[in-house]
mmCIF file of all heavy atoms, coordinates in Angstrom:
data_MODEL
# 
_entry.id   MODEL 
# 
loop_
_atom_site.group_PDB 
_atom_site.id 
_atom_site.type_symbol 
_atom_site.label_atom_id 
_atom_site.label_alt_id 
_atom_site.label_comp_id 
_atom_site.label_asym_id 
_atom_site.label_entity_id 
_atom_site.label_seq_id 
_atom_site.pdbx_PDB_ins_code 
_atom_site.Cartn_x 
_atom_site.Cartn_y 
_atom_site.Cartn_z 
_atom_site.occupancy 
_atom_site.B_iso_or_equiv 
_atom_site.pdbx_formal_charge 
_atom_site.auth_seq_id 
_atom_site.auth_comp_id 
_atom_site.auth_asym_id 
_atom_site.auth_atom_id 
_atom_site.pdbx_PDB_model_num 
ATOM 1   N N   . ALA A 1 1  ? 15.186 104.271 35.246 1.00 0.00 ? 1  ALA A N   1 
ATOM 2   C CA  . ALA A 1 1  ? 14.882 104.787 33.914 1.00 0.00 ? 1  ALA A CA  1 
ATOM 3   C C   . ALA A 1 1  ? 15.028 106.278 33.788 1.00 0.00 ? 1  ALA A C   1 
ATOM 4   O O   . ALA A 1 1  ? 14.972 106.814 32.667 1.00 0.00 ? 1  ALA A O   1 
ATOM 5   C CB  . ALA A 1 1  ? 13.380 104.407 33.723 1.00 0.00 ? 1  ALA A CB  1 
ATOM 6   N N   . GLY A 1 2  ? 15.195 106.899 34.908 1.00 0.00 ? 2  GLY A N   1 
ATOM 7   C CA  . GLY A 1 2  ? 15.515 108.348 34.921 1.00 0.00 ? 2  GLY A CA  1 
ATOM 8   C C   . GLY A 1 2  ? 14.252 109.084 34.691 1.00 0.00 ? 2  GLY A C   1 
ATOM 9   O O   . GLY A 1 2  ? 13.121 108.554 34.756 1.00 0.00 ? 2  GLY A O   1 
ATOM 10  N N   . SER A 1 3  ? 14.300 110.298 34.245 1.00 0.00 ? 3  SER A N   1 
ATOM 11  C CA  . SER A 1 3  ? 13.154 111.240 34.049 1.00 0.00 ? 3  SER A CA  1 
ATOM 12  C C   . SER A 1 3  ? 12.276 110.700 32.991 1.00 0.00 ? 3  SER A C   1 
ATOM 13  O O   . SER A 1 3  ? 12.817 110.412 31.878 1.00 0.00 ? 3  SER A O   1 
ATOM 14  C CB  . SER A 1 3  ? 13.508 112.573 33.846 1.00 0.00 ? 3  SER A CB  1 
ATOM 15  O OG  . SER A 1 3  ? 12.337 113.427 33.641 1.00 0.00 ? 3  SER A OG  1 
ATOM 16  N N   . LEU A 1 4  ? 10.966 110.639 33.110 1.00 0.00 ? 4  LEU A N   1 
ATOM 17  C CA  . LEU A 1 4  ? 10.001 110.204 32.159 1.00 0.00 ? 4  LEU A CA  1 
ATOM 18  C C   . LEU A 1 4  ? 9.385  111.393 31.392 1.00 0.00 ? 4  LEU A C   1 
ATOM 19  O O   . LEU A 1 4  ? 8.530  111.124 30.550 1.00 0.00 ? 4  LEU A O   1 
ATOM 20  C CB  . LEU A 1 4  ? 8.924  109.217 32.805 1.00 0.00 ? 4  LEU A CB  1 
ATOM 21  C CG  . LEU A 1 4  ? 9.533  107.972 33.371 1.00 0.00 ? 4  LEU A CG  1 
ATOM 22  C CD1 . LEU A 1 4  ? 8.332  107.102 33.799 1.00 0.00 ? 4  LEU A CD1 1 
ATOM 23  C CD2 . LEU A 1 4  ? 10.408 107.221 32.411 1.00 0.00 ? 4  LEU A CD2 1 
ATOM 24  N N   . TRP A 1 5  ? 9.799  112.571 31.755 1.00 0.00 ? 5  TRP A N   1 
ATOM 25  C CA  . TRP A 1 5  ? 9.155  113.748 31.172 1.00 0.00 ? 5  TRP A CA  1 
ATOM 26  C C   . TRP A 1 5  ? 10.317 114.717 30.785 1.00 0.00 ? 5  TRP A C   1 
ATOM 27  O O   . TRP A 1 5  ? 11.264 114.895 31.481 1.00 0.00 ? 5  TRP A O   1 
ATOM 28  C CB  . TRP A 1 5  ? 8.305  114.562 32.210 1.00 0.00 ? 5  TRP A CB  1 
ATOM 29  C CG  . TRP A 1 5  ? 6.980  113.693 32.392 1.00 0.00 ? 5  TRP A CG  1 
ATOM 30  C CD1 . TRP A 1 5  ? 6.828  112.837 33.303 1.00 0.00 ? 5  TRP A CD1 1 
ATOM 31  C CD2 . TRP A 1 5  ? 5.829  113.769 31.753 1.00 0.00 ? 5  TRP A CD2 1 
ATOM 32  N NE1 . TRP A 1 5  ? 5.489  112.287 33.278 1.00 0.00 ? 5  TRP A NE1 1 
ATOM 33  C CE2 . TRP A 1 5  ? 4.963  112.928 32.265 1.00 0.00 ? 5  TRP A CE2 1 
ATOM 34  C CE3 . TRP A 1 5  ? 5.382  114.727 30.627 1.00 0.00 ? 5  TRP A CE3 1 
ATOM 35  C CZ2 . TRP A 1 5  ? 3.572  112.840 31.818 1.00 0.00 ? 5  TRP A CZ2 1 
ATOM 36  C CZ3 . TRP A 1 5  ? 4.062  114.516 30.192 1.00 0.00 ? 5  TRP A CZ3 1 
ATOM 37  C CH2 . TRP A 1 5  ? 3.378  113.632 30.743 1.00 0.00 ? 5  TRP A CH2 1 
ATOM 38  N N   . LYS A 1 6  ? 10.284 115.235 29.464 1.00 0.00 ? 6  LYS A N   1 
ATOM 39  C CA  . LYS A 1 6  ? 11.082 116.266 28.934 1.00 0.00 ? 6  LYS A CA  1 
ATOM 40  C C   . LYS A 1 6  ? 10.573 117.651 29.407 1.00 0.00 ? 6  LYS A C   1 
ATOM 41  O O   . LYS A 1 6  ? 9.366  117.881 29.537 1.00 0.00 ? 6  LYS A O   1 
ATOM 42  C CB  . LYS A 1 6  ? 11.265 116.125 27.474 1.00 0.00 ? 6  LYS A CB  1 
ATOM 43  C CG  . LYS A 1 6  ? 11.689 114.924 26.968 1.00 0.00 ? 6  LYS A CG  1 
ATOM 44  C CD  . LYS A 1 6  ? 13.202 114.767 27.325 1.00 0.00 ? 6  LYS A CD  1 
ATOM 45  C CE  . LYS A 1 6  ? 13.813 113.460 26.629 1.00 0.00 ? 6  LYS A CE  1 
ATOM 46  N NZ  . LYS A 1 6  ? 14.885 113.034 27.287 1.00 0.00 ? 6  LYS A NZ  1 
ATOM 47  N N   . ARG A 1 7  ? 11.475 118.633 29.584 1.00 0.00 ? 7  ARG A N   1 
ATOM 48  C CA  . ARG A 1 7  ? 11.058 119.859 29.934 1.00 0.00 ? 7  ARG A CA  1 
ATOM 49  C C   . ARG A 1 7  ? 10.035 120.483 29.056 1.00 0.00 ? 7  ARG A C   1 
ATOM 50  O O   . ARG A 1 7  ? 8.909  121.017 29.493 1.00 0.00 ? 7  ARG A O   1 
ATOM 51  C CB  . ARG A 1 7  ? 12.272 120.869 29.958 1.00 0.00 ? 7  ARG A CB  1 
ATOM 52  C CG  . ARG A 1 7  ? 12.052 122.249 30.520 1.00 0.00 ? 7  ARG A CG  1 
ATOM 53  C CD  . ARG A 1 7  ? 12.892 123.345 29.908 1.00 0.00 ? 7  ARG A CD  1 
ATOM 54  N NE  . ARG A 1 7  ? 12.996 123.316 28.485 1.00 0.00 ? 7  ARG A NE  1 
ATOM 55  C CZ  . ARG A 1 7  ? 12.054 123.968 27.697 1.00 0.00 ? 7  ARG A CZ  1 
ATOM 56  N NH1 . ARG A 1 7  ? 10.952 124.446 28.220 1.00 0.00 ? 7  ARG A NH1 1 
ATOM 57  N NH2 . ARG A 1 7  ? 12.188 123.927 26.391 1.00 0.00 ? 7  ARG A NH2 1 
ATOM 58  N N   . GLY A 1 8  ? 10.154 120.396 27.704 1.00 0.00 ? 8  GLY A N   1 
ATOM 59  C CA  . GLY A 1 8  ? 9.192  120.942 26.729 1.00 0.00 ? 8  GLY A CA  1 
ATOM 60  C C   . GLY A 1 8  ? 7.856  120.300 26.893 1.00 0.00 ? 8  GLY A C   1 
ATOM 61  O O   . GLY A 1 8  ? 6.802  121.078 26.761 1.00 0.00 ? 8  GLY A O   1 
ATOM 62  N N   . THR A 1 9  ? 7.897  118.974 27.088 1.00 0.00 ? 9  THR A N   1 
ATOM 63  C CA  . THR A 1 9  ? 6.598  118.319 27.208 1.00 0.00 ? 9  THR A CA  1 
ATOM 64  C C   . THR A 1 9  ? 5.865  118.737 28.430 1.00 0.00 ? 9  THR A C   1 
ATOM 65  O O   . THR A 1 9  ? 4.515  118.862 28.530 1.00 0.00 ? 9  THR A O   1 
ATOM 66  C CB  . THR A 1 9  ? 6.763  116.704 27.144 1.00 0.00 ? 9  THR A CB  1 
ATOM 67  O OG1 . THR A 1 9  ? 7.404  116.435 25.934 1.00 0.00 ? 9  THR A OG1 1 
ATOM 68  C CG2 . THR A 1 9  ? 5.375  116.153 27.038 1.00 0.00 ? 9  THR A CG2 1 
ATOM 69  N N   . LEU A 1 10 ? 6.640  118.837 29.554 1.00 0.00 ? 10 LEU A N   1 
ATOM 70  C CA  . LEU A 1 10 ? 6.083  119.299 30.876 1.00 0.00 ? 10 LEU A CA  1 
ATOM 71  C C   . LEU A 1 10 ? 5.448  120.703 30.616 1.00 0.00 ? 10 LEU A C   1 
ATOM 72  O O   . LEU A 1 10 ? 4.330  120.991 31.043 1.00 0.00 ? 10 LEU A O   1 
ATOM 73  C CB  . LEU A 1 10 ? 7.111  119.446 32.000 1.00 0.00 ? 10 LEU A CB  1 
ATOM 74  C CG  . LEU A 1 10 ? 7.283  118.057 32.589 1.00 0.00 ? 10 LEU A CG  1 
ATOM 75  C CD1 . LEU A 1 10 ? 8.598  118.254 33.669 1.00 0.00 ? 10 LEU A CD1 1 
ATOM 76  C CD2 . LEU A 1 10 ? 6.120  117.602 33.302 1.00 0.00 ? 10 LEU A CD2 1 
ATOM 77  N N   . GLU A 1 11 ? 6.100  121.574 30.045 1.00 0.00 ? 11 GLU A N   1 
ATOM 78  C CA  . GLU A 1 11 ? 5.608  122.871 29.693 1.00 0.00 ? 11 GLU A CA  1 
ATOM 79  C C   . GLU A 1 11 ? 4.349  122.981 28.938 1.00 0.00 ? 11 GLU A C   1 
ATOM 80  O O   . GLU A 1 11 ? 3.477  123.614 29.240 1.00 0.00 ? 11 GLU A O   1 
ATOM 81  C CB  . GLU A 1 11 ? 6.716  123.750 29.146 1.00 0.00 ? 11 GLU A CB  1 
ATOM 82  C CG  . GLU A 1 11 ? 6.405  125.253 29.019 1.00 0.00 ? 11 GLU A CG  1 
ATOM 83  C CD  . GLU A 1 11 ? 7.468  126.174 28.564 1.00 0.00 ? 11 GLU A CD  1 
ATOM 84  O OE1 . GLU A 1 11 ? 8.764  125.596 28.346 1.00 0.00 ? 11 GLU A OE1 1 
ATOM 85  O OE2 . GLU A 1 11 ? 7.288  127.275 28.275 1.00 0.00 ? 11 GLU A OE2 1 
ATOM 86  N N   . ASN A 1 12 ? 4.372  122.225 27.916 1.00 0.00 ? 12 ASN A N   1 
ATOM 87  C CA  . ASN A 1 12 ? 3.147  122.012 27.068 1.00 0.00 ? 12 ASN A CA  1 
ATOM 88  C C   . ASN A 1 12 ? 2.011  121.477 27.917 1.00 0.00 ? 12 ASN A C   1 
ATOM 89  O O   . ASN A 1 12 ? 0.876  122.135 27.786 1.00 0.00 ? 12 ASN A O   1 
ATOM 90  C CB  . ASN A 1 12 ? 3.345  121.136 25.856 1.00 0.00 ? 12 ASN A CB  1 
ATOM 91  C CG  . ASN A 1 12 ? 4.148  121.805 24.783 1.00 0.00 ? 12 ASN A CG  1 
ATOM 92  O OD1 . ASN A 1 12 ? 4.399  122.984 24.614 1.00 0.00 ? 12 ASN A OD1 1 
ATOM 93  N ND2 . ASN A 1 12 ? 4.882  120.940 23.943 1.00 0.00 ? 12 ASN A ND2 1 
ATOM 94  N N   . LEU A 1 13 ? 2.198  120.490 28.732 1.00 0.00 ? 13 LEU A N   1 
ATOM 95  C CA  . LEU A 1 13 ? 1.163  120.019 29.506 1.00 0.00 ? 13 LEU A CA  1 
ATOM 96  C C   . LEU A 1 13 ? 0.568  121.053 30.477 1.00 0.00 ? 13 LEU A C   1 
ATOM 97  O O   . LEU A 1 13 ? -0.585 121.102 30.607 1.00 0.00 ? 13 LEU A O   1 
ATOM 98  C CB  . LEU A 1 13 ? 1.585  118.700 30.238 1.00 0.00 ? 13 LEU A CB  1 
ATOM 99  C CG  . LEU A 1 13 ? 0.639  118.121 31.281 1.00 0.00 ? 13 LEU A CG  1 
ATOM 100 C CD1 . LEU A 1 13 ? -0.591 117.636 30.558 1.00 0.00 ? 13 LEU A CD1 1 
ATOM 101 C CD2 . LEU A 1 13 ? 1.323  117.028 32.077 1.00 0.00 ? 13 LEU A CD2 1 
ATOM 102 N N   . LEU A 1 14 ? 1.443  121.657 31.087 1.00 0.00 ? 14 LEU A N   1 
ATOM 103 C CA  . LEU A 1 14 ? 0.935  122.642 32.140 1.00 0.00 ? 14 LEU A CA  1 
ATOM 104 C C   . LEU A 1 14 ? 0.330  123.908 31.543 1.00 0.00 ? 14 LEU A C   1 
ATOM 105 O O   . LEU A 1 14 ? -0.443 124.514 32.107 1.00 0.00 ? 14 LEU A O   1 
ATOM 106 C CB  . LEU A 1 14 ? 2.185  123.234 33.074 1.00 0.00 ? 14 LEU A CB  1 
ATOM 107 C CG  . LEU A 1 14 ? 2.401  122.352 34.326 1.00 0.00 ? 14 LEU A CG  1 
ATOM 108 C CD1 . LEU A 1 14 ? 2.817  120.881 33.939 1.00 0.00 ? 14 LEU A CD1 1 
ATOM 109 C CD2 . LEU A 1 14 ? 3.435  122.943 35.209 1.00 0.00 ? 14 LEU A CD2 1 
ATOM 110 N N   . LYS A 1 15 ? 0.675  124.133 30.233 1.00 0.00 ? 15 LYS A N   1 
ATOM 111 C CA  . LYS A 1 15 ? 0.008  125.216 29.565 1.00 0.00 ? 15 LYS A CA  1 
ATOM 112 C C   . LYS A 1 15 ? -1.249 124.884 28.878 1.00 0.00 ? 15 LYS A C   1 
ATOM 113 O O   . LYS A 1 15 ? -1.731 125.586 28.146 1.00 0.00 ? 15 LYS A O   1 
ATOM 114 C CB  . LYS A 1 15 ? 1.045  125.931 28.612 1.00 0.00 ? 15 LYS A CB  1 
ATOM 115 C CG  . LYS A 1 15 ? 2.228  126.709 29.390 1.00 0.00 ? 15 LYS A CG  1 
ATOM 116 C CD  . LYS A 1 15 ? 3.189  127.292 28.448 1.00 0.00 ? 15 LYS A CD  1 
ATOM 117 C CE  . LYS A 1 15 ? 4.160  128.180 29.315 1.00 0.00 ? 15 LYS A CE  1 
ATOM 118 N NZ  . LYS A 1 15 ? 5.053  128.858 28.381 1.00 0.00 ? 15 LYS A NZ  1 
ATOM 119 N N   . GLY A 1 16 ? -1.466 123.675 28.912 1.00 0.00 ? 16 GLY A N   1 
ATOM 120 C CA  . GLY A 1 16 ? -2.772 123.083 28.257 1.00 0.00 ? 16 GLY A CA  1 
ATOM 121 C C   . GLY A 1 16 ? -2.748 122.798 26.775 1.00 0.00 ? 16 GLY A C   1 
ATOM 122 O O   . GLY A 1 16 ? -3.640 122.667 26.013 1.00 0.00 ? 16 GLY A O   1 
ATOM 123 N N   . VAL A 1 17 ? -1.376 122.792 26.320 1.00 0.00 ? 17 VAL A N   1 
ATOM 124 C CA  . VAL A 1 17 ? -1.274 122.306 24.825 1.00 0.00 ? 17 VAL A CA  1 
ATOM 125 C C   . VAL A 1 17 ? -1.416 120.858 24.697 1.00 0.00 ? 17 VAL A C   1 
ATOM 126 O O   . VAL A 1 17 ? -1.023 120.079 25.610 1.00 0.00 ? 17 VAL A O   1 
ATOM 127 C CB  . VAL A 1 17 ? 0.283  122.684 24.395 1.00 0.00 ? 17 VAL A CB  1 
ATOM 128 C CG1 . VAL A 1 17 ? 0.594  122.252 23.065 1.00 0.00 ? 17 VAL A CG1 1 
ATOM 129 C CG2 . VAL A 1 17 ? 0.456  124.301 24.584 1.00 0.00 ? 17 VAL A CG2 1 
ATOM 130 N N   . ALA A 1 18 ? -2.019 120.455 23.703 1.00 0.00 ? 18 ALA A N   1 
ATOM 131 C CA  . ALA A 1 18 ? -2.292 118.920 23.490 1.00 0.00 ? 18 ALA A CA  1 
ATOM 132 C C   . ALA A 1 18 ? -0.992 118.080 23.592 1.00 0.00 ? 18 ALA A C   1 
ATOM 133 O O   . ALA A 1 18 ? 0.024  118.388 22.945 1.00 0.00 ? 18 ALA A O   1 
ATOM 134 C CB  . ALA A 1 18 ? -2.978 118.673 22.120 1.00 0.00 ? 18 ALA A CB  1 
ATOM 135 N N   . VAL A 1 19 ? -1.098 117.113 24.381 1.00 0.00 ? 19 VAL A N   1 
ATOM 136 C CA  . VAL A 1 19 ? 0.125  116.172 24.575 1.00 0.00 ? 19 VAL A CA  1 
ATOM 137 C C   . VAL A 1 19 ? -0.638 114.714 24.534 1.00 0.00 ? 19 VAL A C   1 
ATOM 138 O O   . VAL A 1 19 ? -1.825 114.599 24.697 1.00 0.00 ? 19 VAL A O   1 
ATOM 139 C CB  . VAL A 1 19 ? 0.835  116.301 25.773 1.00 0.00 ? 19 VAL A CB  1 
ATOM 140 C CG1 . VAL A 1 19 ? 1.583  117.727 25.738 1.00 0.00 ? 19 VAL A CG1 1 
ATOM 141 C CG2 . VAL A 1 19 ? 0.072  116.165 27.020 1.00 0.00 ? 19 VAL A CG2 1 
ATOM 142 N N   . LYS A 1 20 ? 0.237  113.729 24.374 1.00 0.00 ? 20 LYS A N   1 
ATOM 143 C CA  . LYS A 1 20 ? -0.421 112.305 24.414 1.00 0.00 ? 20 LYS A CA  1 
ATOM 144 C C   . LYS A 1 20 ? -0.618 112.026 25.753 1.00 0.00 ? 20 LYS A C   1 
ATOM 145 O O   . LYS A 1 20 ? -0.086 112.473 26.694 1.00 0.00 ? 20 LYS A O   1 
ATOM 146 C CB  . LYS A 1 20 ? 0.855  111.318 23.915 1.00 0.00 ? 20 LYS A CB  1 
ATOM 147 C CG  . LYS A 1 20 ? 1.122  111.529 22.452 1.00 0.00 ? 20 LYS A CG  1 
ATOM 148 C CD  . LYS A 1 20 ? 2.244  110.568 22.019 1.00 0.00 ? 20 LYS A CD  1 
ATOM 149 C CE  . LYS A 1 20 ? 2.592  110.854 20.653 1.00 0.00 ? 20 LYS A CE  1 
ATOM 150 N NZ  . LYS A 1 20 ? 3.721  110.125 20.140 1.00 0.00 ? 20 LYS A NZ  1 
ATOM 151 N N   . PRO A 1 21 ? -1.614 111.234 25.998 1.00 0.00 ? 21 PRO A N   1 
ATOM 152 C CA  . PRO A 1 21 ? -2.138 110.773 27.262 1.00 0.00 ? 21 PRO A CA  1 
ATOM 153 C C   . PRO A 1 21 ? -0.976 110.079 27.993 1.00 0.00 ? 21 PRO A C   1 
ATOM 154 O O   . PRO A 1 21 ? -0.243 109.189 27.352 1.00 0.00 ? 21 PRO A O   1 
ATOM 155 C CB  . PRO A 1 21 ? -3.346 109.884 27.106 1.00 0.00 ? 21 PRO A CB  1 
ATOM 156 C CG  . PRO A 1 21 ? -3.884 110.283 25.666 1.00 0.00 ? 21 PRO A CG  1 
ATOM 157 C CD  . PRO A 1 21 ? -2.734 110.641 25.036 1.00 0.00 ? 21 PRO A CD  1 
ATOM 158 N N   . PRO A 1 22 ? -0.602 110.370 29.250 1.00 0.00 ? 22 PRO A N   1 
ATOM 159 C CA  . PRO A 1 22 ? 0.420  109.629 30.023 1.00 0.00 ? 22 PRO A CA  1 
ATOM 160 C C   . PRO A 1 22 ? 0.055  108.353 30.289 1.00 0.00 ? 22 PRO A C   1 
ATOM 161 O O   . PRO A 1 22 ? -1.004 107.826 30.564 1.00 0.00 ? 22 PRO A O   1 
ATOM 162 C CB  . PRO A 1 22 ? 0.588  110.556 31.191 1.00 0.00 ? 22 PRO A CB  1 
ATOM 163 C CG  . PRO A 1 22 ? -0.405 111.663 31.150 1.00 0.00 ? 22 PRO A CG  1 
ATOM 164 C CD  . PRO A 1 22 ? -1.238 111.416 30.012 1.00 0.00 ? 22 PRO A CD  1 
ATOM 165 N N   . THR A 1 23 ? 1.212  107.502 30.274 1.00 0.00 ? 23 THR A N   1 
ATOM 166 C CA  . THR A 1 23 ? 1.183  106.162 30.780 1.00 0.00 ? 23 THR A CA  1 
ATOM 167 C C   . THR A 1 23 ? 1.159  106.008 32.253 1.00 0.00 ? 23 THR A C   1 
ATOM 168 O O   . THR A 1 23 ? 1.522  107.127 32.958 1.00 0.00 ? 23 THR A O   1 
ATOM 169 C CB  . THR A 1 23 ? 2.373  105.348 30.222 1.00 0.00 ? 23 THR A CB  1 
ATOM 170 O OG1 . THR A 1 23 ? 3.507  105.901 30.900 1.00 0.00 ? 23 THR A OG1 1 
ATOM 171 C CG2 . THR A 1 23 ? 2.473  105.431 28.620 1.00 0.00 ? 23 THR A CG2 1 
ATOM 172 N N   . TYR A 1 24 ? 0.881  104.828 32.839 1.00 0.00 ? 24 TYR A N   1 
ATOM 173 C CA  . TYR A 1 24 ? 0.972  104.810 34.332 1.00 0.00 ? 24 TYR A CA  1 
ATOM 174 C C   . TYR A 1 24 ? 2.321  105.204 34.834 1.00 0.00 ? 24 TYR A C   1 
ATOM 175 O O   . TYR A 1 24 ? 2.278  105.969 35.764 1.00 0.00 ? 24 TYR A O   1 
ATOM 176 C CB  . TYR A 1 24 ? 0.565  103.335 34.783 1.00 0.00 ? 24 TYR A CB  1 
ATOM 177 C CG  . TYR A 1 24 ? 0.720  103.233 36.220 1.00 0.00 ? 24 TYR A CG  1 
ATOM 178 C CD1 . TYR A 1 24 ? -0.308 103.615 37.088 1.00 0.00 ? 24 TYR A CD1 1 
ATOM 179 C CD2 . TYR A 1 24 ? 1.835  102.654 36.797 1.00 0.00 ? 24 TYR A CD2 1 
ATOM 180 C CE1 . TYR A 1 24 ? -0.365 103.456 38.454 1.00 0.00 ? 24 TYR A CE1 1 
ATOM 181 C CE2 . TYR A 1 24 ? 1.917  102.581 38.149 1.00 0.00 ? 24 TYR A CE2 1 
ATOM 182 C CZ  . TYR A 1 24 ? 0.846  102.932 38.978 1.00 0.00 ? 24 TYR A CZ  1 
ATOM 183 O OH  . TYR A 1 24 ? 0.915  102.874 40.338 1.00 0.00 ? 24 TYR A OH  1 
ATOM 184 N N   . PRO A 1 25 ? 3.414  104.744 34.361 1.00 0.00 ? 25 PRO A N   1 
ATOM 185 C CA  . PRO A 1 25 ? 4.721  105.112 34.824 1.00 0.00 ? 25 PRO A CA  1 
ATOM 186 C C   . PRO A 1 25 ? 4.939  106.647 34.763 1.00 0.00 ? 25 PRO A C   1 
ATOM 187 O O   . PRO A 1 25 ? 5.529  107.210 35.785 1.00 0.00 ? 25 PRO A O   1 
ATOM 188 C CB  . PRO A 1 25 ? 5.720  104.338 34.141 1.00 0.00 ? 25 PRO A CB  1 
ATOM 189 C CG  . PRO A 1 25 ? 5.076  103.170 33.581 1.00 0.00 ? 25 PRO A CG  1 
ATOM 190 C CD  . PRO A 1 25 ? 3.620  103.660 33.237 1.00 0.00 ? 25 PRO A CD  1 
ATOM 191 N N   . GLN A 1 26 ? 4.473  107.301 33.736 1.00 0.00 ? 26 GLN A N   1 
ATOM 192 C CA  . GLN A 1 26 ? 4.523  108.765 33.572 1.00 0.00 ? 26 GLN A CA  1 
ATOM 193 C C   . GLN A 1 26 ? 3.579  109.490 34.590 1.00 0.00 ? 26 GLN A C   1 
ATOM 194 O O   . GLN A 1 26 ? 4.118  110.454 35.225 1.00 0.00 ? 26 GLN A O   1 
ATOM 195 C CB  . GLN A 1 26 ? 4.123  109.160 32.133 1.00 0.00 ? 26 GLN A CB  1 
ATOM 196 C CG  . GLN A 1 26 ? 5.160  108.822 31.168 1.00 0.00 ? 26 GLN A CG  1 
ATOM 197 C CD  . GLN A 1 26 ? 4.643  109.147 29.745 1.00 0.00 ? 26 GLN A CD  1 
ATOM 198 O OE1 . GLN A 1 26 ? 3.482  108.904 29.336 1.00 0.00 ? 26 GLN A OE1 1 
ATOM 199 N NE2 . GLN A 1 26 ? 5.549  109.805 28.947 1.00 0.00 ? 26 GLN A NE2 1 
ATOM 200 N N   . LEU A 1 27 ? 2.492  108.899 34.876 1.00 0.00 ? 27 LEU A N   1 
ATOM 201 C CA  . LEU A 1 27 ? 1.675  109.482 35.982 1.00 0.00 ? 27 LEU A CA  1 
ATOM 202 C C   . LEU A 1 27 ? 2.317  109.367 37.356 1.00 0.00 ? 27 LEU A C   1 
ATOM 203 O O   . LEU A 1 27 ? 2.364  110.253 38.120 1.00 0.00 ? 27 LEU A O   1 
ATOM 204 C CB  . LEU A 1 27 ? 0.280  108.821 36.033 1.00 0.00 ? 27 LEU A CB  1 
ATOM 205 C CG  . LEU A 1 27 ? -0.630 109.106 34.787 1.00 0.00 ? 27 LEU A CG  1 
ATOM 206 C CD1 . LEU A 1 27 ? -1.948 108.305 34.953 1.00 0.00 ? 27 LEU A CD1 1 
ATOM 207 C CD2 . LEU A 1 27 ? -0.990 110.654 34.663 1.00 0.00 ? 27 LEU A CD2 1 
# 
């Protein structure tokens, strides 16, 4: 399936910006 995270979404998550709750495969 390849990467389940886009760079921008990862950056938002790490900076505490609101993102959708991750699914089990994303975790």
